[in-house]
Amino acid sequence: MTPDEWQSKPLGRLIAAIAAGVSVNSESRPRGLGEFGVLKTSAVTYGVFRPEQNKVVLPTEIDRLKESPVAGSVLVSRMNTEALVGAAAYVPENFADLFLPDRIWQCRPDPAVADGRWLHQLLSSPPMRRRLSEIAGGTSGSMKNIAQSRFLALSISAPPLPEQRKIATILSSVDDAIEATQAIIDQLQVVKKAMMAELLTRGLPGRHTRFKQTEIGNVPEEWALTSLGALTQHSAFGPRFPSTLYGDIGNVGSVRTTDISDDWEIDYTTVPRATLDPSVVAPHRLVDGDLLVSRSGTCGVTVVFRAQAVDMVPAAFLIRFRLQNTVDPEFVRLAMMEPSAQARVQSLAAGGVQKNLSGTNLSTLVLPLPPLAEQIEIVAAVAIIDARLRAERRLHKQQKEAKSALMSALLSGEVRVKVDEAAA
């Protein structure tokens, strides 16, 4: 139940002014010193203001710019995908050399009744995000648009201003912790990328002193070049079967591309079950160490399967490679993750908008091949930083879950905060 002291009112009663920017022509690079930038939608997409997400405005368009981010205001993405429309971010300071596009609103709270940080937390809360998505219109399946009149008419419950400030302070402190963890994750990813580039082109530190030029760049003289096909015993696409065979009591798991994380690892907790005839399962049953590669859409995403308690098969949009026992499958995965290798993979894909990889084409992919012992050492070196990344991502997830629960309690009045008399 909403506390008696909280007032139910339209959102527009809390906002002194709301304005959008204009669409201008720009270059696909961030602004430099002395230049003006127009914000990209990604500047507000994830709940935190990212001023670096901007594009430099062409000199001929500068006179058309009109709305800069102002300290204390809340930016709202009025046009975006269904999942992201309504995303909001708090502006901590003025940015005179940045400007809003027409897809972002700037909401300036009325200081007599609303705190900007609290308003941002309210708009970012899961219940409010659902409401914003619901009022968004548009016939496009990908882009939705919120009408300003419907946005301002949303009914909300507003606590007294001192309580708003206290709630905002508490939630902002959690945001700071989440941001700190994300910064660690970002830095670890930079370190991992640099480490992989070094290990996959120069080998282990201090191990090699002589290098040779090859078709894929410089590699240690002791390394060979090989093709994915030469490392493979046999390969096959996953089986096709109707969706009606999926069910909770199925006899086999079907690993899909959607079960692969952004880190190129299989999330076995999301793999669905299916009831398949043993004759279908037998030729496709995955074994520990099988390499799986996505062949359609985002081509070339590569993971290593690890044995599970239930039998599993690859779904139809994955190619399974069973490798020779003279190569470490985790090393092959790392080698295929390397940016230049991914560029070569993309060049092997055929088709127009929807690219497709064939097992035959992918088998020609050229890869570096150190001795097996060094492959294992390289994998172990990367595994150390991967373990740290997984730990930080678990913490990040826990922090976000805790923040969501805290938002629900504080923004609904279920849990009240004690306001200092001095603050009131």
Protein backbone atom coordinates (compact mmCIF):
# COMPACT_ATOMS: atom_id res chain seq x y z
CA MET A 1 0.00 0.00 0.00
CA THR A 2 1.27 3.46 -0.91
CA PRO A 3 2.14 5.58 2.16
CA ASP A 4 -0.40 8.29 3.02
CA GLU A 5 2.20 11.05 2.67
CA TRP A 6 2.94 10.09 -0.93
CA GLN A 7 0.96 11.90 -3.60
CA SER A 8 -0.44 10.29 -6.71
CA LYS A 9 -0.08 12.63 -9.67
CA PRO A 10 0.68 12.65 -13.41
CA LEU A 11 4.39 12.48 -14.25
CA GLY A 12 4.05 15.83 -16.02
CA ARG A 13 3.39 17.53 -12.67
CA LEU A 14 6.97 16.71 -11.65
CA ILE A 15 8.61 18.00 -14.83
CA ALA A 16 9.16 21.72 -15.36
CA ALA A 17 10.21 21.35 -19.00
CA ILE A 18 10.65 18.62 -21.58
CA ALA A 19 12.40 19.03 -24.93
CA ALA A 20 13.99 16.93 -27.65
CA GLY A 21 16.93 17.71 -29.87
CA VAL A 22 17.04 17.68 -33.65
CA SER A 23 18.33 15.22 -36.21
CA VAL A 24 21.56 16.49 -37.76
CA ASN A 25 24.13 15.13 -40.18
CA SER A 26 27.27 13.84 -38.52
CA GLU A 27 30.41 11.76 -38.99
CA SER A 28 30.75 8.27 -37.53
CA ARG A 29 33.37 9.27 -34.96
CA PRO A 30 33.25 10.97 -31.54
CA ARG A 31 33.77 14.72 -31.33
CA GLY A 32 37.28 16.02 -30.83
CA LEU A 33 38.63 19.10 -29.09
CA GLY A 34 36.74 22.20 -30.23
CA GLU A 35 34.06 20.16 -32.01
CA PHE A 36 30.39 19.60 -31.25
CA GLY A 37 28.81 16.20 -30.86
CA VAL A 38 25.29 14.83 -31.11
CA LEU A 39 24.45 12.06 -28.66
CA LYS A 40 23.81 8.55 -29.87
CA THR A 41 20.89 6.59 -28.44
CA SER A 42 23.45 4.39 -26.69
CA ALA A 43 24.36 7.38 -24.50
CA VAL A 44 21.30 6.61 -22.36
CA THR A 45 20.43 3.02 -23.27
CA TYR A 46 21.78 1.27 -20.18
CA GLY A 47 20.65 3.60 -17.41
CA VAL A 48 23.90 5.55 -17.06
CA PHE A 49 24.74 8.68 -19.03
CA ARG A 50 27.59 7.94 -21.45
CA PRO A 51 28.70 11.29 -22.94
CA GLU A 52 31.42 9.54 -24.95
CA GLN A 53 28.66 7.96 -27.00
CA ASN A 54 28.38 10.76 -29.54
CA LYS A 55 29.10 11.59 -33.19
CA VAL A 56 30.81 14.75 -34.36
CA VAL A 57 28.39 17.19 -36.03
CA LEU A 58 29.21 18.46 -39.51
CA PRO A 59 30.19 22.16 -39.50
CA THR A 60 27.28 23.01 -41.82
CA GLU A 61 24.81 21.61 -39.24
CA ILE A 62 26.05 23.40 -36.11
CA ASP A 63 23.53 26.25 -36.35
CA ARG A 64 20.68 23.74 -36.14
CA LEU A 65 21.73 22.32 -32.76
CA LYS A 66 19.49 23.40 -29.90
CA GLU A 67 19.42 21.24 -26.74
CA SER A 68 22.46 20.45 -24.60
CA PRO A 69 22.43 18.08 -21.59
CA VAL A 70 21.95 20.12 -18.41
CA ALA A 71 23.03 19.12 -14.90
CA GLY A 72 20.18 17.64 -12.85
CA SER A 73 18.06 16.68 -15.83
CA VAL A 74 16.97 13.19 -16.91
CA LEU A 75 17.42 12.02 -20.49
CA VAL A 76 14.86 9.58 -21.88
CA SER A 77 15.09 7.51 -25.05
CA ARG A 78 11.70 8.17 -26.62
CA MET A 79 12.38 5.99 -29.68
CA ASN A 80 14.13 2.64 -29.51
CA THR A 81 13.50 -1.08 -29.66
CA GLU A 82 10.64 -2.47 -27.58
CA ALA A 83 13.08 -3.64 -24.90
CA LEU A 84 15.02 -0.36 -24.71
CA VAL A 85 12.44 2.35 -25.39
CA GLY A 86 12.07 4.58 -22.34
CA ALA A 87 15.61 4.01 -21.06
CA ALA A 88 16.66 6.92 -18.85
CA ALA A 89 19.91 8.45 -17.58
CA TYR A 90 20.71 11.19 -15.08
CA VAL A 91 22.92 14.08 -16.22
CA PRO A 92 25.42 14.95 -13.47
CA GLU A 93 26.86 18.11 -15.06
CA ASN A 94 26.47 20.48 -18.00
CA PHE A 95 27.79 19.43 -21.41
CA ALA A 96 27.86 22.55 -23.55
CA ASP A 97 29.56 20.86 -26.53
CA LEU A 98 27.07 17.97 -26.72
CA PHE A 99 23.53 18.08 -28.08
CA LEU A 100 20.47 15.86 -28.09
CA PRO A 101 19.12 14.12 -31.19
CA ASP A 102 15.39 14.08 -31.88
CA ARG A 103 15.11 10.58 -30.37
CA ILE A 104 16.07 11.70 -26.84
CA TRP A 105 14.04 13.89 -24.50
CA GLN A 106 15.54 16.06 -21.80
CA CYS A 107 13.28 16.22 -18.74
CA ARG A 108 14.04 19.03 -16.29
CA PRO A 109 12.44 18.26 -12.93
CA ASP A 110 10.51 20.93 -11.06
CA PRO A 111 12.88 21.51 -8.10
CA ALA A 112 9.94 22.29 -5.82
CA VAL A 113 8.47 18.79 -6.13
CA ALA A 114 10.99 16.43 -7.71
CA ASP A 115 14.63 15.40 -7.32
CA GLY A 116 16.33 14.54 -10.61
CA ARG A 117 18.21 11.54 -9.24
CA TRP A 118 15.01 10.10 -7.74
CA LEU A 119 13.13 10.70 -10.99
CA HIS A 120 15.84 8.82 -12.86
CA GLN A 121 15.58 5.88 -10.46
CA LEU A 122 11.79 5.87 -10.80
CA LEU A 123 11.92 5.86 -14.59
CA SER A 124 14.58 3.12 -14.54
CA SER A 125 12.66 0.80 -12.20
CA PRO A 126 11.42 -2.46 -13.78
CA PRO A 127 7.69 -1.65 -13.25
CA MET A 128 8.08 1.76 -14.89
CA ARG A 129 10.13 0.32 -17.76
CA ARG A 130 7.31 -2.13 -18.43
CA ARG A 131 4.76 0.68 -18.42
CA LEU A 132 6.86 2.76 -20.79
CA SER A 133 7.17 -0.18 -23.16
CA GLU A 134 3.41 -0.72 -23.01
CA ILE A 135 2.54 2.87 -24.00
CA ALA A 136 5.08 2.91 -26.84
CA GLY A 137 3.46 2.79 -30.25
CA GLY A 138 4.59 2.09 -33.77
CA THR A 139 3.93 -0.46 -36.47
CA SER A 140 7.58 -1.42 -36.86
CA GLY A 141 8.59 -4.70 -35.28
CA SER A 142 11.93 -3.24 -34.27
CA MET A 143 11.38 0.43 -33.33
CA LYS A 144 8.84 1.85 -30.89
CA ASN A 145 8.02 5.46 -30.10
CA ILE A 146 6.56 7.04 -26.94
CA ALA A 147 4.14 9.92 -27.41
CA GLN A 148 5.01 12.83 -25.14
CA SER A 149 1.39 13.26 -24.04
CA ARG A 150 1.16 9.63 -22.89
CA PHE A 151 4.53 9.88 -21.14
CA LEU A 152 3.54 12.96 -19.15
CA ALA A 153 0.13 11.47 -18.29
CA LEU A 154 1.60 8.42 -16.53
CA SER A 155 0.34 8.27 -12.96
CA ILE A 156 3.06 7.95 -10.32
CA SER A 157 3.30 8.07 -6.52
CA ALA A 158 5.74 10.72 -5.33
CA PRO A 159 7.12 10.84 -1.80
CA PRO A 160 7.96 14.19 -0.18
CA LEU A 161 11.08 15.82 -1.60
CA PRO A 162 13.38 14.99 1.38
CA GLU A 163 12.41 11.33 1.11
CA GLN A 164 13.04 11.39 -2.65
CA ARG A 165 16.55 12.67 -1.99
CA LYS A 166 17.24 9.98 0.61
CA ILE A 167 15.97 7.21 -1.69
CA ALA A 168 18.09 8.58 -4.52
CA THR A 169 21.20 8.67 -2.33
CA ILE A 170 20.75 5.04 -1.28
CA LEU A 171 20.12 3.77 -4.80
CA SER A 172 22.90 5.90 -6.25
CA SER A 173 25.40 4.34 -3.84
CA VAL A 174 24.40 0.91 -5.18
CA ASP A 175 24.80 2.25 -8.72
CA ASP A 176 28.32 3.37 -7.83
CA ALA A 177 29.19 -0.17 -6.71
CA ILE A 178 27.70 -1.63 -9.90
CA GLU A 179 29.65 0.86 -12.02
CA ALA A 180 32.88 0.03 -10.18
CA THR A 181 32.40 -3.67 -10.89
CA GLN A 182 31.61 -2.93 -14.54
CA ALA A 183 34.80 -0.87 -14.80
CA ILE A 184 36.79 -3.87 -13.55
CA ILE A 185 35.06 -6.10 -16.11
CA ASP A 186 35.82 -3.62 -18.90
CA GLN A 187 39.48 -3.43 -17.91
CA LEU A 188 39.79 -7.22 -17.68
CA GLN A 189 38.34 -7.51 -21.18
CA VAL A 190 40.97 -5.07 -22.47
CA VAL A 191 43.71 -7.07 -20.77
CA LYS A 192 42.33 -10.35 -22.13
CA LYS A 193 42.18 -9.00 -25.68
CA ALA A 194 45.78 -7.78 -25.50
CA MET A 195 46.94 -11.03 -23.90
CA MET A 196 45.28 -13.15 -26.58
CA ALA A 197 46.74 -11.03 -29.37
CA GLU A 198 50.22 -11.58 -27.92
CA LEU A 199 49.84 -15.28 -27.12
CA LEU A 200 48.28 -16.20 -30.48
CA THR A 201 50.91 -14.39 -32.58
CA ARG A 202 54.11 -14.47 -30.52
CA GLY A 203 53.50 -17.36 -28.16
CA LEU A 204 54.33 -17.52 -24.47
CA PRO A 205 56.46 -14.63 -23.14
CA GLY A 206 60.18 -15.27 -23.61
CA ARG A 207 59.59 -18.61 -25.33
CA HIS A 208 60.36 -17.56 -28.91
CA THR A 209 63.01 -15.32 -30.42
CA ARG A 210 62.62 -16.04 -34.15
CA PHE A 211 59.46 -15.45 -36.17
CA LYS A 212 58.32 -16.09 -39.73
CA GLN A 213 55.96 -14.24 -42.04
CA THR A 214 52.94 -16.31 -43.09
CA GLU A 215 49.66 -15.75 -44.89
CA ILE A 216 48.04 -14.98 -41.51
CA GLY A 217 50.85 -12.78 -40.19
CA ASN A 218 54.00 -13.31 -38.11
CA VAL A 219 54.16 -16.44 -35.95
CA PRO A 220 57.03 -18.18 -34.12
CA GLU A 221 59.24 -20.28 -36.38
CA GLU A 222 58.46 -23.40 -34.35
CA TRP A 223 54.73 -23.07 -35.07
CA ALA A 224 52.99 -24.64 -38.03
CA LEU A 225 50.04 -23.42 -40.06
CA THR A 226 47.14 -25.77 -40.54
CA SER A 227 43.48 -25.77 -41.55
CA LEU A 228 40.52 -26.49 -39.34
CA GLY A 229 39.74 -29.42 -41.63
CA ALA A 230 43.17 -30.93 -41.06
CA LEU A 231 42.52 -30.86 -37.31
CA THR A 232 39.11 -32.50 -37.65
CA GLN A 233 38.13 -36.17 -37.54
CA HIS A 234 34.66 -35.42 -38.91
CA SER A 235 32.00 -32.70 -38.83
CA ALA A 236 28.25 -32.37 -39.27
CA PHE A 237 25.35 -29.96 -38.93
CA GLY A 238 22.99 -30.45 -36.01
CA PRO A 239 19.73 -32.32 -36.72
CA ARG A 240 16.53 -30.58 -37.75
CA PHE A 241 13.31 -31.49 -35.96
CA PRO A 242 9.92 -29.81 -35.31
CA SER A 243 9.49 -27.52 -32.32
CA THR A 244 6.70 -29.78 -31.06
CA LEU A 245 9.37 -32.25 -29.91
CA TYR A 246 10.69 -29.80 -27.32
CA GLY A 247 9.51 -30.49 -23.77
CA ASP A 248 10.64 -30.52 -20.15
CA ILE A 249 10.94 -34.32 -20.00
CA GLY A 250 12.84 -34.77 -23.25
CA ASN A 251 15.57 -37.39 -23.46
CA VAL A 252 18.22 -35.08 -24.96
CA GLY A 253 19.39 -31.47 -24.72
CA SER A 254 19.58 -29.36 -27.88
CA VAL A 255 22.35 -26.73 -27.75
CA ARG A 256 21.23 -23.64 -29.67
CA THR A 257 23.05 -20.49 -30.70
CA THR A 258 20.92 -18.64 -28.11
CA ASP A 259 22.49 -20.79 -25.38
CA ILE A 260 25.90 -19.28 -26.16
CA SER A 261 26.95 -16.27 -24.08
CA ASP A 262 28.71 -13.13 -25.28
CA ASP A 263 31.92 -14.70 -23.94
CA TRP A 264 31.51 -17.66 -26.28
CA GLU A 265 30.63 -20.17 -23.60
CA ILE A 266 27.63 -22.50 -23.43
CA ASP A 267 25.08 -21.75 -20.72
CA TYR A 268 23.89 -25.27 -20.03
CA THR A 269 21.11 -24.01 -17.74
CA THR A 270 19.20 -22.61 -20.74
CA VAL A 271 19.60 -25.63 -23.04
CA PRO A 272 16.08 -27.02 -23.73
CA ARG A 273 15.14 -30.71 -23.73
CA ALA A 274 13.68 -32.52 -26.71
CA THR A 275 12.29 -36.01 -27.25
CA LEU A 276 14.22 -37.49 -30.17
CA ASP A 277 14.44 -41.01 -31.53
CA PRO A 278 17.73 -42.71 -30.55
CA SER A 279 18.50 -43.18 -34.25
CA VAL A 280 18.46 -39.37 -34.64
CA VAL A 281 20.54 -38.78 -31.53
CA ALA A 282 23.26 -41.35 -32.20
CA PRO A 283 25.07 -39.66 -35.13
CA HIS A 284 24.82 -36.21 -33.52
CA ARG A 285 25.51 -36.94 -29.84
CA LEU A 286 28.07 -34.48 -28.53
CA VAL A 287 31.16 -35.69 -26.70
CA ASP A 288 33.47 -33.78 -24.39
CA GLY A 289 35.74 -31.46 -26.37
CA ASP A 290 33.56 -31.14 -29.48
CA LEU A 291 33.89 -27.75 -31.19
CA LEU A 292 30.61 -26.02 -32.10
CA VAL A 293 30.52 -23.15 -34.60
CA SER A 294 27.49 -21.01 -35.48
CA ARG A 295 26.81 -21.20 -39.20
CA SER A 296 24.01 -18.66 -39.73
CA GLY A 297 23.25 -15.11 -38.63
CA THR A 298 26.24 -14.26 -36.45
CA CYS A 299 28.60 -16.68 -38.17
CA GLY A 300 31.74 -18.07 -36.59
CA VAL A 301 30.88 -17.95 -32.87
CA THR A 302 32.88 -20.88 -31.48
CA VAL A 303 32.46 -22.85 -28.25
CA VAL A 304 33.77 -26.08 -26.76
CA PHE A 305 31.20 -28.56 -25.49
CA ARG A 306 31.78 -30.15 -22.11
CA ALA A 307 30.06 -33.41 -21.15
CA GLN A 308 26.82 -33.08 -19.18
CA ALA A 309 24.65 -35.47 -17.19
CA VAL A 310 22.14 -35.65 -20.05
CA ASP A 311 22.99 -36.46 -23.67
CA MET A 312 23.09 -33.39 -25.92
CA VAL A 313 23.07 -32.65 -29.64
CA PRO A 314 23.81 -29.41 -31.52
CA ALA A 315 20.84 -27.54 -32.95
CA ALA A 316 20.55 -27.12 -36.72
CA PHE A 317 22.36 -23.77 -36.89
CA LEU A 318 25.55 -25.14 -35.34
CA ILE A 319 28.30 -27.15 -37.01
CA ARG A 320 29.97 -29.78 -34.85
CA PHE A 321 33.68 -30.47 -35.38
CA ARG A 322 35.18 -33.49 -33.66
CA LEU A 323 38.88 -32.72 -33.47
CA GLN A 324 41.96 -34.90 -33.60
CA ASN A 325 43.41 -35.80 -30.20
CA THR A 326 46.65 -34.05 -31.17
CA VAL A 327 45.11 -30.61 -30.66
CA ASP A 328 43.58 -28.85 -27.65
CA PRO A 329 40.01 -27.82 -28.59
CA GLU A 330 40.20 -24.85 -26.20
CA PHE A 331 43.22 -23.57 -28.11
CA VAL A 332 41.35 -23.89 -31.41
CA ARG A 333 38.49 -21.91 -29.90
CA LEU A 334 40.90 -19.15 -28.81
CA ALA A 335 42.56 -19.10 -32.22
CA MET A 336 39.15 -18.75 -33.89
CA MET A 337 38.17 -15.92 -31.52
CA GLU A 338 41.18 -13.84 -32.59
CA PRO A 339 39.95 -10.82 -34.65
CA SER A 340 41.94 -11.60 -37.81
CA ALA A 341 40.70 -15.21 -37.70
CA GLN A 342 37.14 -13.95 -37.34
CA ALA A 343 37.65 -11.72 -40.37
CA ARG A 344 38.74 -14.78 -42.35
CA VAL A 345 35.70 -16.69 -41.10
CA GLN A 346 33.39 -13.93 -42.30
CA SER A 347 35.04 -14.00 -45.72
CA LEU A 348 34.12 -17.69 -45.97
CA ALA A 349 30.42 -17.03 -45.31
CA ALA A 350 28.10 -16.89 -48.30
CA GLY A 351 24.78 -15.14 -48.84
CA GLY A 352 23.27 -11.66 -48.81
CA VAL A 353 21.78 -10.15 -45.67
CA GLN A 354 21.67 -13.52 -43.89
CA LYS A 355 25.15 -14.99 -44.17
CA ASN A 356 25.71 -18.74 -43.93
CA LEU A 357 28.77 -20.89 -43.33
CA SER A 358 29.20 -24.36 -44.73
CA GLY A 359 31.29 -27.00 -43.04
CA THR A 360 33.27 -27.39 -46.25
CA ASN A 361 34.18 -23.71 -46.43
CA LEU A 362 34.95 -23.43 -42.73
CA SER A 363 37.25 -26.45 -42.94
CA THR A 364 39.59 -24.36 -45.10
CA LEU A 365 40.13 -21.79 -42.32
CA VAL A 366 43.88 -21.39 -41.73
CA LEU A 367 45.00 -21.36 -38.08
CA PRO A 368 48.33 -21.16 -36.22
CA LEU A 369 49.38 -24.40 -34.53
CA PRO A 370 51.94 -24.41 -31.71
CA PRO A 371 53.17 -27.70 -30.22
CA LEU A 372 50.46 -29.32 -28.05
CA ALA A 373 52.29 -28.52 -24.79
CA GLU A 374 52.37 -24.81 -25.66
CA GLN A 375 48.72 -24.90 -26.72
CA ILE A 376 47.83 -26.17 -23.25
CA GLU A 377 49.95 -23.48 -21.55
CA ILE A 378 48.35 -20.72 -23.64
CA VAL A 379 44.87 -21.99 -22.76
CA ALA A 380 45.83 -22.08 -19.06
CA ALA A 381 47.11 -18.49 -19.17
CA VAL A 382 43.86 -17.20 -20.68
CA ALA A 383 41.82 -19.35 -18.26
CA ILE A 384 43.20 -17.38 -15.32
CA ILE A 385 41.79 -14.10 -16.57
CA ASP A 386 38.58 -15.84 -17.68
CA ALA A 387 38.07 -17.08 -14.12
CA ARG A 388 38.44 -13.53 -12.80
CA LEU A 389 36.00 -12.26 -15.43
CA ARG A 390 33.41 -14.89 -14.47
CA ALA A 391 33.75 -13.96 -10.80
CA GLU A 392 33.30 -10.25 -11.52
CA ARG A 393 30.31 -10.95 -13.77
CA ARG A 394 28.68 -13.03 -11.06
CA LEU A 395 29.19 -10.16 -8.62
CA HIS A 396 27.81 -7.70 -11.17
CA LYS A 397 24.71 -9.83 -11.66
CA GLN A 398 24.19 -10.14 -7.90
CA GLN A 399 24.57 -6.39 -7.46
CA LYS A 400 21.99 -5.68 -10.17
CA GLU A 401 19.56 -8.17 -8.66
CA ALA A 402 20.00 -6.56 -5.24
CA LYS A 403 19.47 -3.12 -6.78
CA SER A 404 16.25 -4.28 -8.46
CA ALA A 405 14.88 -5.63 -5.18
CA LEU A 406 15.88 -2.44 -3.34
CA MET A 407 14.26 -0.24 -6.01
CA SER A 408 11.03 -2.19 -5.71
CA ALA A 409 10.96 -1.75 -1.95
CA LEU A 410 11.99 1.91 -1.76
CA LEU A 411 10.15 3.32 -4.79
CA SER A 412 6.85 1.69 -3.79
CA GLY A 413 7.04 2.77 -0.13
CA GLU A 414 7.08 -0.84 1.03
CA VAL A 415 10.24 0.07 2.93
CA ARG A 416 10.46 3.61 4.26
CA VAL A 417 13.67 5.53 4.72
CA LYS A 418 14.41 7.69 7.72
CA VAL A 419 14.89 11.30 6.70
CA ASP A 420 17.22 13.42 8.80
CA GLU A 421 15.48 16.45 10.24
CA ALA A 422 18.25 18.66 8.86
CA ALA A 423 17.67 17.26 5.36
CA ALA A 424 13.92 17.76 5.67
